[in-house]
């Protein structure tokens, strides 16, 4: 028949720790237990709870920033529908059309009857009204891919723009 597994028989190190603790007075054992518990709580706070609270605060701040952008875009008012585009090559028209919105295309490549426009680090609340303005002026935006950029509230985008 096997002997039951006790704290002292779990390992040689544990047996030595239990023997060392038993050699202490009752007062010392209580102090060791108290400071051991305090050490465990301190490690729990600094290693687990505090980093999680920091991530939570950062997430709340990001959500608030996105809600602010969403509200500003929604309250921007109607864009001037049916704007007349300047004459000329499509790539220069896009650059001219983007200037009032503070959007600067980082790359414009002519491809067939349209152009592929790239944006890097553009403000989201400027890009959306600019896209609406392009569509309102008669251009067709296709193949739009938009991803979050490194800075908060900015996006990277790639799109194909053609004349209607």
N, C-alpha and C. Protein backbone atom coordinates (compact mmCIF):
# COMPACT_ATOMS: atom_id res chain seq x y z
N UNK A 1 0.83 -1.17 0.00
CA UNK A 1 0.00 0.00 0.00
C UNK A 1 0.88 1.24 0.00
N UNK A 2 0.48 2.24 -0.80
CA UNK A 2 1.28 3.46 -0.91
C UNK A 2 0.97 4.42 0.21
N UNK A 3 2.01 5.14 0.61
CA UNK A 3 1.80 6.17 1.62
C UNK A 3 1.14 7.37 0.97
N UNK A 4 0.27 8.07 1.69
CA UNK A 4 -0.37 9.26 1.11
C UNK A 4 0.68 10.36 0.88
N UNK A 5 0.45 11.13 -0.16
CA UNK A 5 1.35 12.22 -0.51
C UNK A 5 1.06 13.41 0.40
N UNK A 6 2.05 13.81 1.16
CA UNK A 6 1.90 14.97 2.04
C UNK A 6 2.81 16.07 1.53
N UNK A 7 2.65 17.23 2.11
CA UNK A 7 3.46 18.37 1.71
C UNK A 7 4.94 18.09 1.91
N UNK A 8 5.28 17.41 2.98
CA UNK A 8 6.69 17.14 3.29
C UNK A 8 7.28 16.08 2.36
N UNK A 9 6.47 15.20 1.80
CA UNK A 9 7.00 14.13 0.95
C UNK A 9 6.89 14.44 -0.53
N UNK A 10 6.43 15.63 -0.90
CA UNK A 10 6.27 15.97 -2.31
C UNK A 10 7.60 16.06 -3.02
N UNK A 11 8.58 16.65 -2.37
CA UNK A 11 9.92 16.74 -2.95
C UNK A 11 10.92 16.99 -1.83
N UNK A 12 12.18 16.74 -2.07
CA UNK A 12 13.19 16.99 -1.03
C UNK A 12 13.27 18.46 -0.64
N UNK A 13 13.12 19.35 -1.59
CA UNK A 13 13.16 20.78 -1.28
C UNK A 13 11.98 21.17 -0.41
N UNK A 14 10.81 20.61 -0.71
CA UNK A 14 9.62 20.91 0.07
C UNK A 14 9.77 20.34 1.48
N UNK A 15 10.35 19.17 1.59
CA UNK A 15 10.57 18.55 2.91
C UNK A 15 11.51 19.41 3.74
N UNK A 16 12.55 19.95 3.10
CA UNK A 16 13.48 20.82 3.82
C UNK A 16 12.79 22.11 4.25
N UNK A 17 11.91 22.67 3.39
CA UNK A 17 11.20 23.91 3.73
C UNK A 17 10.23 23.68 4.88
N UNK A 18 9.54 22.55 4.88
CA UNK A 18 8.60 22.24 5.96
C UNK A 18 9.36 22.03 7.26
N UNK A 19 10.49 21.33 7.21
CA UNK A 19 11.30 21.12 8.42
C UNK A 19 11.83 22.45 8.95
N UNK A 20 12.27 23.32 8.06
CA UNK A 20 12.77 24.64 8.47
C UNK A 20 11.67 25.45 9.14
N UNK A 21 10.45 25.40 8.57
CA UNK A 21 9.33 26.15 9.13
C UNK A 21 8.94 25.59 10.50
N UNK A 22 8.96 24.31 10.65
CA UNK A 22 8.57 23.70 11.94
C UNK A 22 9.57 24.04 13.05
N UNK A 23 10.81 24.36 12.67
CA UNK A 23 11.81 24.73 13.67
C UNK A 23 11.59 26.15 14.20
N UNK A 24 10.79 26.94 13.51
CA UNK A 24 10.51 28.31 13.93
C UNK A 24 9.45 28.34 15.01
N UNK A 25 9.44 29.44 15.76
CA UNK A 25 8.40 29.60 16.79
C UNK A 25 7.07 29.92 16.10
N UNK A 26 5.99 29.80 16.86
CA UNK A 26 4.66 30.05 16.30
C UNK A 26 4.56 31.49 15.78
N UNK A 27 5.14 32.43 16.48
CA UNK A 27 5.13 33.83 16.07
C UNK A 27 5.87 34.00 14.74
N UNK A 28 7.02 33.38 14.59
CA UNK A 28 7.78 33.46 13.34
C UNK A 28 7.03 32.79 12.19
N UNK A 29 6.35 31.68 12.47
CA UNK A 29 5.56 31.02 11.43
C UNK A 29 4.45 31.94 10.93
N UNK A 30 3.78 32.65 11.85
CA UNK A 30 2.71 33.58 11.45
C UNK A 30 3.29 34.71 10.60
N UNK A 31 4.44 35.26 11.01
CA UNK A 31 5.07 36.33 10.24
C UNK A 31 5.49 35.85 8.85
N UNK A 32 6.06 34.65 8.77
CA UNK A 32 6.45 34.09 7.48
C UNK A 32 5.23 33.91 6.59
N UNK A 33 4.14 33.39 7.14
CA UNK A 33 2.91 33.19 6.37
C UNK A 33 2.35 34.54 5.91
N UNK A 34 2.37 35.54 6.80
CA UNK A 34 1.85 36.87 6.45
C UNK A 34 2.67 37.48 5.31
N UNK A 35 3.99 37.48 5.45
CA UNK A 35 4.83 38.08 4.41
C UNK A 35 4.82 37.26 3.12
N UNK A 36 4.66 35.96 3.22
CA UNK A 36 4.50 35.14 2.02
C UNK A 36 3.23 35.52 1.26
N UNK A 37 2.13 35.67 2.00
CA UNK A 37 0.87 36.10 1.38
C UNK A 37 0.99 37.50 0.79
N UNK A 38 1.67 38.39 1.51
CA UNK A 38 1.88 39.75 1.02
C UNK A 38 2.70 39.73 -0.27
N UNK A 39 3.73 38.88 -0.33
CA UNK A 39 4.56 38.74 -1.52
C UNK A 39 3.73 38.23 -2.70
N UNK A 40 2.87 37.26 -2.45
CA UNK A 40 2.02 36.71 -3.51
C UNK A 40 1.06 37.77 -4.03
N UNK A 41 0.44 38.53 -3.13
CA UNK A 41 -0.47 39.60 -3.55
C UNK A 41 0.26 40.69 -4.33
N UNK A 42 1.47 41.03 -3.90
CA UNK A 42 2.25 42.04 -4.60
C UNK A 42 2.61 41.58 -6.01
N UNK A 43 3.05 40.34 -6.13
CA UNK A 43 3.36 39.80 -7.45
C UNK A 43 2.12 39.76 -8.34
N UNK A 44 0.98 39.36 -7.77
CA UNK A 44 -0.27 39.33 -8.53
C UNK A 44 -0.61 40.73 -9.04
N UNK A 45 -0.45 41.74 -8.18
CA UNK A 45 -0.78 43.12 -8.57
C UNK A 45 0.14 43.60 -9.70
N UNK A 46 1.46 43.49 -9.52
CA UNK A 46 2.39 44.04 -10.48
C UNK A 46 2.56 43.20 -11.74
N UNK A 47 2.36 41.90 -11.66
CA UNK A 47 2.58 41.04 -12.82
C UNK A 47 1.32 40.78 -13.64
N UNK A 48 0.14 40.87 -12.99
CA UNK A 48 -1.08 40.52 -13.71
C UNK A 48 -2.08 41.66 -13.74
N UNK A 49 -2.52 42.11 -12.60
CA UNK A 49 -3.62 43.06 -12.52
C UNK A 49 -3.28 44.43 -13.07
N UNK A 50 -2.13 44.98 -12.70
CA UNK A 50 -1.77 46.32 -13.15
C UNK A 50 -1.60 46.39 -14.67
N UNK A 51 -0.91 45.44 -15.33
CA UNK A 51 -0.84 45.49 -16.80
C UNK A 51 -2.22 45.37 -17.47
N UNK A 52 -3.09 44.55 -16.91
CA UNK A 52 -4.44 44.42 -17.48
C UNK A 52 -5.22 45.72 -17.36
N UNK A 53 -5.08 46.41 -16.24
CA UNK A 53 -5.76 47.69 -16.08
C UNK A 53 -5.22 48.73 -17.05
N UNK A 54 -3.91 48.69 -17.33
CA UNK A 54 -3.33 49.60 -18.31
C UNK A 54 -3.85 49.35 -19.71
N UNK A 55 -3.97 48.08 -20.07
CA UNK A 55 -4.52 47.73 -21.39
C UNK A 55 -5.98 48.17 -21.48
N UNK A 56 -6.71 48.02 -20.40
CA UNK A 56 -8.13 48.43 -20.39
C UNK A 56 -8.25 49.94 -20.60
N UNK A 57 -7.41 50.72 -19.91
CA UNK A 57 -7.46 52.18 -20.07
C UNK A 57 -7.10 52.59 -21.49
N UNK A 58 -6.10 51.95 -22.07
CA UNK A 58 -5.71 52.26 -23.45
C UNK A 58 -6.83 51.92 -24.42
N UNK A 59 -7.52 50.81 -24.19
CA UNK A 59 -8.64 50.42 -25.05
C UNK A 59 -9.78 51.42 -24.94
N UNK A 60 -10.08 51.85 -23.73
CA UNK A 60 -11.14 52.84 -23.55
C UNK A 60 -10.79 54.14 -24.25
N UNK A 61 -9.52 54.56 -24.19
CA UNK A 61 -9.08 55.78 -24.86
C UNK A 61 -9.20 55.65 -26.38
N UNK A 62 -8.83 54.47 -26.93
CA UNK A 62 -8.97 54.26 -28.37
C UNK A 62 -10.42 54.28 -28.81
N UNK A 63 -11.29 53.65 -28.02
CA UNK A 63 -12.71 53.64 -28.36
C UNK A 63 -13.26 55.06 -28.33
N UNK A 64 -12.86 55.85 -27.34
CA UNK A 64 -13.32 57.24 -27.26
C UNK A 64 -12.83 58.03 -28.47
N UNK A 65 -11.59 57.80 -28.90
CA UNK A 65 -11.07 58.51 -30.08
C UNK A 65 -11.86 58.12 -31.33
N UNK A 66 -12.15 56.83 -31.49
CA UNK A 66 -12.92 56.39 -32.66
C UNK A 66 -14.34 56.94 -32.62
N UNK A 67 -14.94 56.99 -31.45
CA UNK A 67 -16.29 57.56 -31.33
C UNK A 67 -16.27 59.05 -31.67
N UNK A 68 -15.22 59.75 -31.26
CA UNK A 68 -15.09 61.17 -31.58
C UNK A 68 -14.98 61.37 -33.09
N UNK A 69 -14.17 60.55 -33.73
CA UNK A 69 -14.02 60.64 -35.19
C UNK A 69 -15.34 60.32 -35.87
N UNK A 70 -16.03 59.30 -35.38
CA UNK A 70 -17.31 58.91 -35.97
C UNK A 70 -18.32 60.05 -35.84
N UNK A 71 -18.35 60.71 -34.70
CA UNK A 71 -19.27 61.83 -34.48
C UNK A 71 -18.92 63.00 -35.39
N UNK A 72 -17.62 63.31 -35.52
CA UNK A 72 -17.22 64.42 -36.38
C UNK A 72 -17.56 64.15 -37.84
N UNK A 73 -17.38 62.90 -38.28
CA UNK A 73 -17.72 62.57 -39.66
C UNK A 73 -19.23 62.65 -39.87
N UNK A 74 -20.00 62.17 -38.89
CA UNK A 74 -21.47 62.21 -39.02
C UNK A 74 -22.00 63.64 -39.00
N UNK A 75 -21.35 64.52 -38.24
CA UNK A 75 -21.82 65.90 -38.13
C UNK A 75 -21.18 66.84 -39.13
N UNK A 76 -20.42 66.31 -40.07
CA UNK A 76 -19.72 67.16 -41.03
C UNK A 76 -20.69 67.86 -41.98
N UNK A 77 -21.90 67.38 -42.05
CA UNK A 77 -22.88 68.01 -42.93
C UNK A 77 -22.78 67.44 -44.33
N UNK A 78 -23.74 67.79 -45.16
CA UNK A 78 -23.74 67.25 -46.52
C UNK A 78 -22.60 67.86 -47.34
N UNK A 79 -22.03 67.04 -48.16
CA UNK A 79 -21.01 67.52 -49.09
C UNK A 79 -21.71 68.08 -50.31
N UNK A 80 -21.03 68.93 -50.99
CA UNK A 80 -21.62 69.54 -52.17
C UNK A 80 -21.77 68.49 -53.27
N UNK A 81 -23.00 68.00 -53.49
CA UNK A 81 -23.17 66.97 -54.51
C UNK A 81 -23.04 67.57 -55.91
N UNK A 82 -22.58 66.77 -56.81
CA UNK A 82 -22.48 67.21 -58.19
C UNK A 82 -21.41 68.25 -58.43
N UNK A 83 -20.33 68.21 -57.65
CA UNK A 83 -19.23 69.14 -57.88
C UNK A 83 -18.65 68.88 -59.26
N UNK A 84 -18.21 69.91 -59.91
CA UNK A 84 -17.63 69.77 -61.23
C UNK A 84 -16.14 69.53 -61.08
N UNK A 85 -15.67 68.48 -61.71
CA UNK A 85 -14.25 68.16 -61.67
C UNK A 85 -13.50 69.02 -62.68
N UNK A 86 -12.28 69.42 -62.31
CA UNK A 86 -11.47 70.14 -63.30
C UNK A 86 -11.09 69.20 -64.44
N UNK A 87 -10.85 69.80 -65.59
CA UNK A 87 -10.43 69.00 -66.74
C UNK A 87 -8.97 68.63 -66.59
N UNK A 88 -8.57 67.59 -67.24
CA UNK A 88 -7.17 67.18 -67.22
C UNK A 88 -7.04 65.72 -66.89
N UNK A 89 -5.81 65.27 -66.78
CA UNK A 89 -5.58 63.86 -66.46
C UNK A 89 -6.15 63.52 -65.08
N UNK A 90 -6.60 62.31 -64.94
CA UNK A 90 -7.26 61.87 -63.71
C UNK A 90 -6.34 61.98 -62.50
N UNK A 91 -5.04 61.69 -62.69
CA UNK A 91 -4.12 61.76 -61.55
C UNK A 91 -3.97 63.18 -61.02
N UNK A 92 -3.97 64.19 -61.88
CA UNK A 92 -3.87 65.57 -61.40
C UNK A 92 -5.20 66.03 -60.80
N UNK A 93 -6.31 65.52 -61.33
CA UNK A 93 -7.63 65.85 -60.77
C UNK A 93 -7.74 65.33 -59.34
N UNK A 94 -7.24 64.15 -59.09
CA UNK A 94 -7.31 63.56 -57.75
C UNK A 94 -6.47 64.36 -56.77
N UNK A 95 -5.28 64.80 -57.19
CA UNK A 95 -4.44 65.62 -56.31
C UNK A 95 -5.12 66.94 -56.00
N UNK A 96 -5.71 67.58 -57.01
CA UNK A 96 -6.42 68.85 -56.80
C UNK A 96 -7.62 68.65 -55.88
N UNK A 97 -8.37 67.57 -56.09
CA UNK A 97 -9.57 67.28 -55.31
C UNK A 97 -9.22 66.94 -53.84
N UNK A 98 -8.05 66.38 -53.60
CA UNK A 98 -7.70 65.96 -52.24
C UNK A 98 -7.17 67.11 -51.38
N UNK A 99 -6.64 68.15 -51.99
CA UNK A 99 -6.02 69.25 -51.24
C UNK A 99 -6.95 69.91 -50.22
N UNK A 100 -8.21 70.24 -50.56
CA UNK A 100 -9.07 70.90 -49.56
C UNK A 100 -9.37 70.02 -48.34
N UNK A 101 -9.23 68.72 -48.46
CA UNK A 101 -9.52 67.81 -47.36
C UNK A 101 -8.28 67.48 -46.53
N UNK A 102 -7.14 67.98 -46.94
CA UNK A 102 -5.91 67.70 -46.22
C UNK A 102 -5.38 66.31 -46.44
N UNK A 103 -5.79 65.69 -47.53
CA UNK A 103 -5.35 64.33 -47.86
C UNK A 103 -4.30 64.44 -48.95
N UNK A 104 -3.17 63.80 -48.74
CA UNK A 104 -2.09 63.81 -49.73
C UNK A 104 -1.82 62.38 -50.18
N UNK A 105 -2.16 62.05 -51.42
CA UNK A 105 -1.88 60.70 -51.92
C UNK A 105 -0.37 60.45 -51.95
N UNK A 106 0.03 59.27 -51.49
CA UNK A 106 1.45 58.93 -51.49
C UNK A 106 1.86 58.24 -52.79
N UNK A 107 0.90 57.78 -53.54
CA UNK A 107 1.21 57.14 -54.81
C UNK A 107 0.01 57.15 -55.72
N UNK A 108 0.24 57.53 -56.97
CA UNK A 108 -0.81 57.49 -57.99
C UNK A 108 -0.22 56.80 -59.21
N UNK A 109 -0.80 55.66 -59.58
CA UNK A 109 -0.29 54.88 -60.71
C UNK A 109 -1.42 54.74 -61.73
N UNK A 110 -1.15 55.14 -62.96
CA UNK A 110 -2.14 55.01 -64.04
C UNK A 110 -2.22 53.54 -64.42
N UNK A 111 -3.46 53.04 -64.45
CA UNK A 111 -3.68 51.63 -64.76
C UNK A 111 -4.93 51.53 -65.63
N UNK A 112 -4.73 51.35 -66.94
CA UNK A 112 -5.86 51.27 -67.86
C UNK A 112 -6.55 52.63 -67.96
N UNK A 113 -7.89 52.62 -67.80
CA UNK A 113 -8.63 53.88 -67.88
C UNK A 113 -8.80 54.55 -66.52
N UNK A 114 -8.18 54.01 -65.50
CA UNK A 114 -8.27 54.60 -64.16
C UNK A 114 -6.89 54.74 -63.54
N UNK A 115 -6.91 55.07 -62.27
CA UNK A 115 -5.65 55.20 -61.53
C UNK A 115 -5.79 54.45 -60.20
N UNK A 116 -4.65 53.97 -59.70
CA UNK A 116 -4.59 53.34 -58.38
C UNK A 116 -3.98 54.38 -57.45
N UNK A 117 -4.74 54.76 -56.43
CA UNK A 117 -4.31 55.80 -55.49
C UNK A 117 -3.97 55.14 -54.16
N UNK A 118 -2.82 55.53 -53.60
CA UNK A 118 -2.39 55.00 -52.30
C UNK A 118 -2.30 56.15 -51.30
N UNK A 119 -2.76 55.87 -50.09
CA UNK A 119 -2.65 56.83 -48.99
C UNK A 119 -1.91 56.15 -47.85
N UNK A 120 -1.07 56.89 -47.16
CA UNK A 120 -0.35 56.34 -46.01
C UNK A 120 -0.45 57.33 -44.85
N UNK A 121 -0.98 56.88 -43.74
CA UNK A 121 -1.08 57.72 -42.55
C UNK A 121 -2.01 58.90 -42.71
N UNK A 122 -3.07 58.75 -43.49
CA UNK A 122 -4.03 59.84 -43.69
C UNK A 122 -5.07 59.80 -42.57
N UNK A 123 -5.55 60.98 -42.17
CA UNK A 123 -6.56 61.04 -41.11
C UNK A 123 -7.88 60.46 -41.61
N UNK A 124 -8.43 59.57 -40.83
CA UNK A 124 -9.68 58.89 -41.21
C UNK A 124 -10.81 59.88 -41.41
N UNK A 125 -10.91 60.88 -40.51
CA UNK A 125 -12.00 61.84 -40.62
C UNK A 125 -11.83 62.80 -41.79
N UNK A 126 -10.70 62.78 -42.48
CA UNK A 126 -10.51 63.54 -43.72
C UNK A 126 -10.71 62.66 -44.95
N UNK A 127 -10.33 61.39 -44.82
CA UNK A 127 -10.41 60.48 -45.97
C UNK A 127 -11.86 60.20 -46.35
N UNK A 128 -12.72 59.95 -45.37
CA UNK A 128 -14.11 59.58 -45.67
C UNK A 128 -14.85 60.72 -46.40
N UNK A 129 -14.79 61.98 -45.93
CA UNK A 129 -15.44 63.05 -46.70
C UNK A 129 -14.81 63.23 -48.09
N UNK A 130 -13.50 63.03 -48.19
CA UNK A 130 -12.85 63.15 -49.50
C UNK A 130 -13.37 62.09 -50.46
N UNK A 131 -13.52 60.85 -49.98
CA UNK A 131 -14.06 59.79 -50.83
C UNK A 131 -15.50 60.10 -51.25
N UNK A 132 -16.28 60.62 -50.31
CA UNK A 132 -17.66 60.99 -50.65
C UNK A 132 -17.68 62.10 -51.68
N UNK A 133 -16.75 63.04 -51.56
CA UNK A 133 -16.66 64.13 -52.53
C UNK A 133 -16.26 63.61 -53.91
N UNK A 134 -15.33 62.67 -53.94
CA UNK A 134 -14.94 62.09 -55.24
C UNK A 134 -16.13 61.41 -55.90
N UNK A 135 -16.87 60.64 -55.13
CA UNK A 135 -18.03 59.95 -55.70
C UNK A 135 -19.12 60.95 -56.09
N UNK A 136 -19.28 62.00 -55.29
CA UNK A 136 -20.28 63.02 -55.61
C UNK A 136 -19.95 63.81 -56.85
N UNK A 137 -18.68 63.86 -57.23
CA UNK A 137 -18.28 64.61 -58.42
C UNK A 137 -18.25 63.75 -59.67
N UNK A 138 -18.65 62.49 -59.55
CA UNK A 138 -18.79 61.66 -60.73
C UNK A 138 -17.70 60.62 -60.92
N UNK A 139 -16.75 60.54 -60.03
CA UNK A 139 -15.73 59.51 -60.14
C UNK A 139 -16.23 58.23 -59.49
N UNK A 140 -15.70 57.11 -59.92
CA UNK A 140 -16.10 55.82 -59.36
C UNK A 140 -14.91 55.25 -58.58
N UNK A 141 -15.16 54.95 -57.31
CA UNK A 141 -14.12 54.37 -56.46
C UNK A 141 -14.39 52.88 -56.37
N UNK A 142 -13.41 52.11 -56.75
CA UNK A 142 -13.54 50.66 -56.68
C UNK A 142 -12.33 50.06 -56.00
N UNK A 143 -12.47 48.85 -55.55
CA UNK A 143 -11.35 48.13 -54.94
C UNK A 143 -10.71 48.90 -53.79
N UNK A 144 -11.52 49.43 -52.91
CA UNK A 144 -11.01 50.20 -51.77
C UNK A 144 -10.59 49.26 -50.66
N UNK A 145 -9.33 49.39 -50.23
CA UNK A 145 -8.80 48.62 -49.09
C UNK A 145 -8.26 49.63 -48.09
N UNK A 146 -8.85 49.64 -46.90
CA UNK A 146 -8.45 50.59 -45.87
C UNK A 146 -8.07 49.82 -44.61
N UNK A 147 -6.89 50.14 -44.06
CA UNK A 147 -6.44 49.51 -42.83
C UNK A 147 -5.99 50.58 -41.85
N UNK A 148 -6.03 50.23 -40.57
CA UNK A 148 -5.61 51.15 -39.53
C UNK A 148 -4.10 51.36 -39.63
N UNK A 149 -3.67 52.62 -39.55
CA UNK A 149 -2.24 52.93 -39.58
C UNK A 149 -1.69 52.91 -38.16
N UNK A 150 -0.41 53.16 -38.04
CA UNK A 150 0.25 53.10 -36.73
C UNK A 150 -0.26 54.16 -35.77
N UNK A 151 -0.44 55.39 -36.27
CA UNK A 151 -0.90 56.48 -35.40
C UNK A 151 -2.42 56.38 -35.20
N UNK A 152 -2.87 56.79 -34.05
CA UNK A 152 -4.30 56.72 -33.73
C UNK A 152 -5.09 57.69 -34.62
N UNK A 153 -6.18 57.20 -35.19
CA UNK A 153 -7.05 58.03 -36.03
C UNK A 153 -6.58 58.16 -37.47
N UNK A 154 -5.57 57.38 -37.85
CA UNK A 154 -5.07 57.44 -39.23
C UNK A 154 -5.24 56.09 -39.90
N UNK A 155 -5.28 56.14 -41.24
CA UNK A 155 -5.48 54.92 -42.02
C UNK A 155 -4.51 54.89 -43.19
N UNK A 156 -4.27 53.68 -43.68
CA UNK A 156 -3.57 53.47 -44.96
C UNK A 156 -4.64 52.94 -45.91
N UNK A 157 -4.65 53.44 -47.13
CA UNK A 157 -5.68 53.02 -48.07
C UNK A 157 -5.10 52.87 -49.47
N UNK A 158 -5.72 51.97 -50.21
CA UNK A 158 -5.42 51.78 -51.62
C UNK A 158 -6.76 51.64 -52.34
N UNK A 159 -6.92 52.37 -53.44
CA UNK A 159 -8.19 52.32 -54.17
C UNK A 159 -7.96 52.52 -55.64
N UNK A 160 -8.92 52.08 -56.43
CA UNK A 160 -8.91 52.30 -57.86
C UNK A 160 -9.97 53.35 -58.17
N UNK A 161 -9.58 54.40 -58.89
CA UNK A 161 -10.52 55.49 -59.23
C UNK A 161 -10.61 55.57 -60.74
N UNK A 162 -11.85 55.60 -61.25
CA UNK A 162 -12.10 55.74 -62.69
C UNK A 162 -13.15 56.82 -62.89
N UNK A 163 -13.20 57.33 -64.10
CA UNK A 163 -14.26 58.30 -64.46
C UNK A 163 -15.53 57.51 -64.79
N UNK A 164 -16.66 58.13 -64.53
CA UNK A 164 -17.93 57.45 -64.83
C UNK A 164 -18.29 57.58 -66.29
